[in-house]
């Protein structure tokens, strides 16, 4: 796992400005929420800020998509139009990575997510994200897969085609240039 470090004040402020600008530009994703409360929460959680930076640097364009009233946490999802470019051409998990005899990808979705301190979107979260726009019209994204499907060697992924959200299955060891993963982070 990558060592999480606190960002320099300059980098942190640059990231906050970027996130605030995205937040204000996409109010339909978080109606009724105020940036100042979110920034206060971020300032108190430097590990989460580091994870958001990882999401941003790999092309995820993280944005707030909700607020859990029970826990007080804000929910960030990768909101890039296509699956994050810096997280493509990867298989599903470490077991799938190890099962490949040749032409192994550089990493796995589950491995990268753990290193970044985030989680893969679930099918439910992926469908909720699609309510804010059309995501993955040319790419696809690995999704959190149930143990029962994974035990049989499979994993699921989603995309948007023909005006519909599709969730499919594939062998967990497969990888494609147009398939990555989207993450979520609670702050």
C-alpha atoms as a PDB file:
ATOM      1  CA  UNK A   1       0.000   0.000   0.000  1.00  0.00           C
ATOM      2  CA  UNK A   2       1.283   3.442  -0.884  1.00  0.00           C
ATOM      3  CA  UNK A   3       2.357   5.627   2.002  1.00  0.00           C
ATOM      4  CA  UNK A   4      -0.229   8.306   2.548  1.00  0.00           C
ATOM      5  CA  UNK A   5       1.189  11.676   3.285  1.00  0.00           C
ATOM      6  CA  UNK A   6      -0.247  15.032   4.061  1.00  0.00           C
ATOM      7  CA  UNK A   7      -0.174  17.349   1.073  1.00  0.00           C
ATOM      8  CA  UNK A   8       1.823  20.545   1.071  1.00  0.00           C
ATOM      9  CA  UNK A   9      -0.363  23.571   1.855  1.00  0.00           C
ATOM     10  CA  UNK A  10      -0.002  24.767  -1.748  1.00  0.00           C
ATOM     11  CA  UNK A  11      -1.017  21.434  -3.278  1.00  0.00           C
ATOM     12  CA  UNK A  12      -3.880  21.057  -0.828  1.00  0.00           C
ATOM     13  CA  UNK A  13      -5.237  24.527  -1.662  1.00  0.00           C
ATOM     14  CA  UNK A  14      -4.861  23.826  -5.389  1.00  0.00           C
ATOM     15  CA  UNK A  15      -6.845  20.587  -4.985  1.00  0.00           C
ATOM     16  CA  UNK A  16      -9.518  22.316  -2.865  1.00  0.00           C
ATOM     17  CA  UNK A  17      -9.927  25.027  -5.506  1.00  0.00           C
ATOM     18  CA  UNK A  18     -10.275  22.408  -8.237  1.00  0.00           C
ATOM     19  CA  UNK A  19     -12.834  20.426  -6.205  1.00  0.00           C
ATOM     20  CA  UNK A  20     -14.768  23.581  -5.275  1.00  0.00           C
ATOM     21  CA  UNK A  21     -14.910  24.712  -8.906  1.00  0.00           C
ATOM     22  CA  UNK A  22     -16.174  21.268  -9.993  1.00  0.00           C
ATOM     23  CA  UNK A  23     -18.668  21.271  -7.111  1.00  0.00           C
ATOM     24  CA  UNK A  24     -20.082  24.669  -8.118  1.00  0.00           C
ATOM     25  CA  UNK A  25     -20.238  23.723 -11.791  1.00  0.00           C
ATOM     26  CA  UNK A  26     -22.231  20.545 -11.086  1.00  0.00           C
ATOM     27  CA  UNK A  27     -24.773  21.526  -8.426  1.00  0.00           C
ATOM     28  CA  UNK A  28     -27.265  18.996  -9.819  1.00  0.00           C
ATOM     29  CA  UNK A  29     -25.116  16.253  -8.236  1.00  0.00           C
ATOM     30  CA  UNK A  30     -25.424  17.621  -4.700  1.00  0.00           C
ATOM     31  CA  UNK A  31     -28.402  19.926  -4.343  1.00  0.00           C
ATOM     32  CA  UNK A  32     -28.707  21.491  -0.917  1.00  0.00           C
ATOM     33  CA  UNK A  33     -25.071  20.898   0.066  1.00  0.00           C
ATOM     34  CA  UNK A  34     -22.621  23.700   0.825  1.00  0.00           C
ATOM     35  CA  UNK A  35     -18.947  23.615  -0.146  1.00  0.00           C
ATOM     36  CA  UNK A  36     -17.764  25.274   3.082  1.00  0.00           C
ATOM     37  CA  UNK A  37     -19.054  22.324   5.176  1.00  0.00           C
ATOM     38  CA  UNK A  38     -17.380  19.843   2.837  1.00  0.00           C
ATOM     39  CA  UNK A  39     -14.056  21.684   2.916  1.00  0.00           C
ATOM     40  CA  UNK A  40     -14.181  21.787   6.724  1.00  0.00           C
ATOM     41  CA  UNK A  41     -14.651  18.002   6.735  1.00  0.00           C
ATOM     42  CA  UNK A  42     -11.766  17.584   4.269  1.00  0.00           C
ATOM     43  CA  UNK A  43      -9.445  19.754   6.356  1.00  0.00           C
ATOM     44  CA  UNK A  44     -10.042  17.430   9.311  1.00  0.00           C
ATOM     45  CA  UNK A  45      -9.207  14.307   7.253  1.00  0.00           C
ATOM     46  CA  UNK A  46      -5.808  14.628   5.506  1.00  0.00           C
ATOM     47  CA  UNK A  47      -5.754  10.906   4.532  1.00  0.00           C
ATOM     48  CA  UNK A  48      -9.024  11.426   2.647  1.00  0.00           C
ATOM     49  CA  UNK A  49      -7.601  14.509   0.926  1.00  0.00           C
ATOM     50  CA  UNK A  50      -4.641  12.364  -0.171  1.00  0.00           C
ATOM     51  CA  UNK A  51      -7.096   9.789  -1.586  1.00  0.00           C
ATOM     52  CA  UNK A  52      -8.970  12.517  -3.467  1.00  0.00           C
ATOM     53  CA  UNK A  53      -5.684  13.651  -4.963  1.00  0.00           C
ATOM     54  CA  UNK A  54      -5.038  10.079  -6.150  1.00  0.00           C
ATOM     55  CA  UNK A  55      -8.521   9.996  -7.695  1.00  0.00           C
ATOM     56  CA  UNK A  56      -7.833  13.292  -9.447  1.00  0.00           C
ATOM     57  CA  UNK A  57      -4.340  12.389 -10.652  1.00  0.00           C
ATOM     58  CA  UNK A  58      -5.596   9.160 -12.265  1.00  0.00           C
ATOM     59  CA  UNK A  59      -8.323  11.026 -14.162  1.00  0.00           C
ATOM     60  CA  UNK A  60     -11.356  10.356 -11.968  1.00  0.00           C
ATOM     61  CA  UNK A  61     -12.569  13.947 -11.553  1.00  0.00           C
ATOM     62  CA  UNK A  62     -14.052  13.249  -8.090  1.00  0.00           C
ATOM     63  CA  UNK A  63     -17.129  15.195  -7.017  1.00  0.00           C
ATOM     64  CA  UNK A  64     -19.610  15.114  -4.157  1.00  0.00           C
ATOM     65  CA  UNK A  65     -22.716  13.077  -4.993  1.00  0.00           C
ATOM     66  CA  UNK A  66     -24.360  12.809  -1.609  1.00  0.00           C
ATOM     67  CA  UNK A  67     -24.392  13.228   2.150  1.00  0.00           C
ATOM     68  CA  UNK A  68     -25.044  10.446   4.654  1.00  0.00           C
ATOM     69  CA  UNK A  69     -27.162  12.102   7.326  1.00  0.00           C
ATOM     70  CA  UNK A  70     -26.594   9.232   9.788  1.00  0.00           C
ATOM     71  CA  UNK A  71     -22.786   9.376   9.725  1.00  0.00           C
ATOM     72  CA  UNK A  72     -22.352  12.979   8.568  1.00  0.00           C
ATOM     73  CA  UNK A  73     -20.059  11.793   5.786  1.00  0.00           C
ATOM     74  CA  UNK A  74     -19.952  13.281   2.306  1.00  0.00           C
ATOM     75  CA  UNK A  75     -19.782  10.850  -0.582  1.00  0.00           C
ATOM     76  CA  UNK A  76     -17.397  11.440  -3.488  1.00  0.00           C
ATOM     77  CA  UNK A  77     -17.552   9.420  -6.741  1.00  0.00           C
ATOM     78  CA  UNK A  78     -15.361   9.530  -9.808  1.00  0.00           C
ATOM     79  CA  UNK A  79     -17.409  11.680 -12.199  1.00  0.00           C
ATOM     80  CA  UNK A  80     -15.174  11.708 -15.291  1.00  0.00           C
ATOM     81  CA  UNK A  81     -17.179  11.200 -18.488  1.00  0.00           C
ATOM     82  CA  UNK A  82     -15.258   8.000 -19.272  1.00  0.00           C
ATOM     83  CA  UNK A  83     -13.615   5.457 -16.999  1.00  0.00           C
ATOM     84  CA  UNK A  84     -10.565   7.169 -15.441  1.00  0.00           C
ATOM     85  CA  UNK A  85      -7.726   7.020 -17.947  1.00  0.00           C
ATOM     86  CA  UNK A  86      -5.025   6.312 -15.362  1.00  0.00           C
ATOM     87  CA  UNK A  87      -6.890   3.214 -14.155  1.00  0.00           C
ATOM     88  CA  UNK A  88      -7.519   1.288 -17.370  1.00  0.00           C
ATOM     89  CA  UNK A  89      -6.096  -1.951 -18.769  1.00  0.00           C
ATOM     90  CA  UNK A  90      -6.347  -3.699 -15.419  1.00  0.00           C
ATOM     91  CA  UNK A  91      -7.969  -6.936 -14.318  1.00  0.00           C
ATOM     92  CA  UNK A  92     -10.418  -7.163 -11.415  1.00  0.00           C
ATOM     93  CA  UNK A  93      -8.386  -8.258  -8.358  1.00  0.00           C
ATOM     94  CA  UNK A  94      -5.043  -9.648  -7.169  1.00  0.00           C
ATOM     95  CA  UNK A  95      -6.175 -13.262  -7.533  1.00  0.00           C
ATOM     96  CA  UNK A  96      -7.072 -12.592 -11.176  1.00  0.00           C
ATOM     97  CA  UNK A  97      -3.742 -10.831 -11.717  1.00  0.00           C
ATOM     98  CA  UNK A  98      -1.827 -13.787 -10.291  1.00  0.00           C
ATOM     99  CA  UNK A  99      -3.808 -16.272 -12.395  1.00  0.00           C
ATOM    100  CA  UNK A 100      -2.556 -14.788 -15.676  1.00  0.00           C
ATOM    101  CA  UNK A 101       0.365 -16.778 -17.022  1.00  0.00           C
ATOM    102  CA  UNK A 102       1.407 -14.171 -19.595  1.00  0.00           C
ATOM    103  CA  UNK A 103       0.524 -10.635 -20.684  1.00  0.00           C
ATOM    104  CA  UNK A 104      -0.236  -9.625 -17.117  1.00  0.00           C
ATOM    105  CA  UNK A 105      -1.680  -6.143 -16.646  1.00  0.00           C
ATOM    106  CA  UNK A 106       0.237  -3.759 -14.402  1.00  0.00           C
ATOM    107  CA  UNK A 107      -2.318  -3.902 -11.607  1.00  0.00           C
ATOM    108  CA  UNK A 108      -5.862  -4.786 -10.628  1.00  0.00           C
ATOM    109  CA  UNK A 109      -8.887  -2.625  -9.880  1.00  0.00           C
ATOM    110  CA  UNK A 110      -9.163  -3.860  -6.299  1.00  0.00           C
ATOM    111  CA  UNK A 111      -5.411  -3.450  -5.748  1.00  0.00           C
ATOM    112  CA  UNK A 112      -5.332   0.087  -7.095  1.00  0.00           C
ATOM    113  CA  UNK A 113      -8.411   1.066  -5.099  1.00  0.00           C
ATOM    114  CA  UNK A 114      -6.827  -0.220  -1.885  1.00  0.00           C
ATOM    115  CA  UNK A 115      -3.600   1.673  -2.629  1.00  0.00           C
ATOM    116  CA  UNK A 116      -5.620   4.847  -3.213  1.00  0.00           C
ATOM    117  CA  UNK A 117      -7.757   4.406  -0.094  1.00  0.00           C
ATOM    118  CA  UNK A 118     -11.025   4.207  -2.056  1.00  0.00           C
ATOM    119  CA  UNK A 119     -13.595   1.535  -2.934  1.00  0.00           C
ATOM    120  CA  UNK A 120     -14.971   0.390  -6.272  1.00  0.00           C
ATOM    121  CA  UNK A 121     -18.492   1.564  -7.013  1.00  0.00           C
ATOM    122  CA  UNK A 122     -21.176  -1.025  -6.401  1.00  0.00           C
ATOM    123  CA  UNK A 123     -23.777  -1.720  -9.064  1.00  0.00           C
ATOM    124  CA  UNK A 124     -26.276   0.366  -7.097  1.00  0.00           C
ATOM    125  CA  UNK A 125     -23.844   3.291  -6.821  1.00  0.00           C
ATOM    126  CA  UNK A 126     -23.003   3.026 -10.526  1.00  0.00           C
ATOM    127  CA  UNK A 127     -26.676   3.208 -11.469  1.00  0.00           C
ATOM    128  CA  UNK A 128     -27.109   6.190  -9.118  1.00  0.00           C
ATOM    129  CA  UNK A 129     -24.138   7.946 -10.765  1.00  0.00           C
ATOM    130  CA  UNK A 130     -25.780   7.490 -14.164  1.00  0.00           C
ATOM    131  CA  UNK A 131     -28.715   9.613 -12.946  1.00  0.00           C
ATOM    132  CA  UNK A 132     -26.375  12.634 -13.077  1.00  0.00           C
ATOM    133  CA  UNK A 133     -25.415  12.181 -16.731  1.00  0.00           C
ATOM    134  CA  UNK A 134     -24.159   9.648 -19.239  1.00  0.00           C
ATOM    135  CA  UNK A 135     -20.947   8.020 -18.031  1.00  0.00           C
ATOM    136  CA  UNK A 136     -18.878   5.356 -19.814  1.00  0.00           C
ATOM    137  CA  UNK A 137     -20.387   5.846 -23.270  1.00  0.00           C
ATOM    138  CA  UNK A 138     -17.120   4.639 -24.861  1.00  0.00           C
ATOM    139  CA  UNK A 139     -15.497   2.824 -21.924  1.00  0.00           C
ATOM    140  CA  UNK A 140     -16.579   0.499 -19.128  1.00  0.00           C
ATOM    141  CA  UNK A 141     -15.845   0.288 -15.410  1.00  0.00           C
ATOM    142  CA  UNK A 142     -15.274  -2.705 -13.136  1.00  0.00           C
ATOM    143  CA  UNK A 143     -17.813  -2.778 -10.289  1.00  0.00           C
ATOM    144  CA  UNK A 144     -17.694  -4.337  -6.836  1.00  0.00           C
ATOM    145  CA  UNK A 145     -18.534  -7.994  -7.414  1.00  0.00           C
ATOM    146  CA  UNK A 146     -20.317 -10.377  -5.071  1.00  0.00           C
ATOM    147  CA  UNK A 147     -18.314 -13.193  -3.504  1.00  0.00           C
ATOM    148  CA  UNK A 148     -20.499 -15.822  -5.185  1.00  0.00           C
ATOM    149  CA  UNK A 149     -19.757 -14.472  -8.691  1.00  0.00           C
ATOM    150  CA  UNK A 150     -16.078 -13.983  -7.878  1.00  0.00           C
ATOM    151  CA  UNK A 151     -15.751 -17.558  -6.558  1.00  0.00           C
ATOM    152  CA  UNK A 152     -16.844 -18.783  -9.990  1.00  0.00           C
ATOM    153  CA  UNK A 153     -14.110 -16.723 -11.668  1.00  0.00           C
ATOM    154  CA  UNK A 154     -16.229 -13.788 -12.788  1.00  0.00           C
ATOM    155  CA  UNK A 155     -16.530 -10.095 -12.094  1.00  0.00           C
ATOM    156  CA  UNK A 156     -19.015  -7.446 -13.202  1.00  0.00           C
ATOM    157  CA  UNK A 157     -18.622  -4.152 -15.010  1.00  0.00           C
ATOM    158  CA  UNK A 158     -20.950  -1.474 -16.302  1.00  0.00           C
ATOM    159  CA  UNK A 159     -21.320   1.009 -19.115  1.00  0.00           C
ATOM    160  CA  UNK A 160     -23.890   3.252 -20.830  1.00  0.00           C
ATOM    161  CA  UNK A 161     -25.031   2.200 -24.304  1.00  0.00           C
ATOM    162  CA  UNK A 162     -28.206   2.730 -26.334  1.00  0.00           C
ATOM    163  CA  UNK A 163     -29.676   5.008 -23.672  1.00  0.00           C
ATOM    164  CA  UNK A 164     -29.377   2.292 -21.015  1.00  0.00           C
ATOM    165  CA  UNK A 165     -27.062   1.327 -18.174  1.00  0.00           C
ATOM    166  CA  UNK A 166     -25.763  -2.173 -18.793  1.00  0.00           C
ATOM    167  CA  UNK A 167     -24.094  -4.381 -16.209  1.00  0.00           C
ATOM    168  CA  UNK A 168     -22.265  -7.376 -17.664  1.00  0.00           C
ATOM    169  CA  UNK A 169     -19.945 -10.104 -16.519  1.00  0.00           C
ATOM    170  CA  UNK A 170     -16.491 -11.129 -17.655  1.00  0.00           C
ATOM    171  CA  UNK A 171     -13.669 -13.302 -16.403  1.00  0.00           C
ATOM    172  CA  UNK A 172     -11.997 -11.412 -13.578  1.00  0.00           C
ATOM    173  CA  UNK A 173      -8.595 -11.896 -15.213  1.00  0.00           C
ATOM    174  CA  UNK A 174      -9.634 -10.087 -18.400  1.00  0.00           C
ATOM    175  CA  UNK A 175      -8.496  -6.560 -19.113  1.00  0.00           C
ATOM    176  CA  UNK A 176      -9.126  -4.093 -21.910  1.00  0.00           C
ATOM    177  CA  UNK A 177      -7.735  -0.708 -22.882  1.00  0.00           C
ATOM    178  CA  UNK A 178     -11.204   0.807 -22.468  1.00  0.00           C
ATOM    179  CA  UNK A 179     -12.025  -0.745 -19.069  1.00  0.00           C
ATOM    180  CA  UNK A 180     -10.994   0.776 -15.787  1.00  0.00           C
ATOM    181  CA  UNK A 181     -12.814   1.377 -12.537  1.00  0.00           C
ATOM    182  CA  UNK A 182     -14.634   4.160 -10.736  1.00  0.00           C
ATOM    183  CA  UNK A 183     -14.189   4.710  -7.049  1.00  0.00           C
ATOM    184  CA  UNK A 184     -16.060   6.105  -4.108  1.00  0.00           C
ATOM    185  CA  UNK A 185     -14.762   7.817  -0.990  1.00  0.00           C
ATOM    186  CA  UNK A 186     -16.563   8.746   2.217  1.00  0.00           C
ATOM    187  CA  UNK A 187     -15.281  11.835   4.024  1.00  0.00           C
END
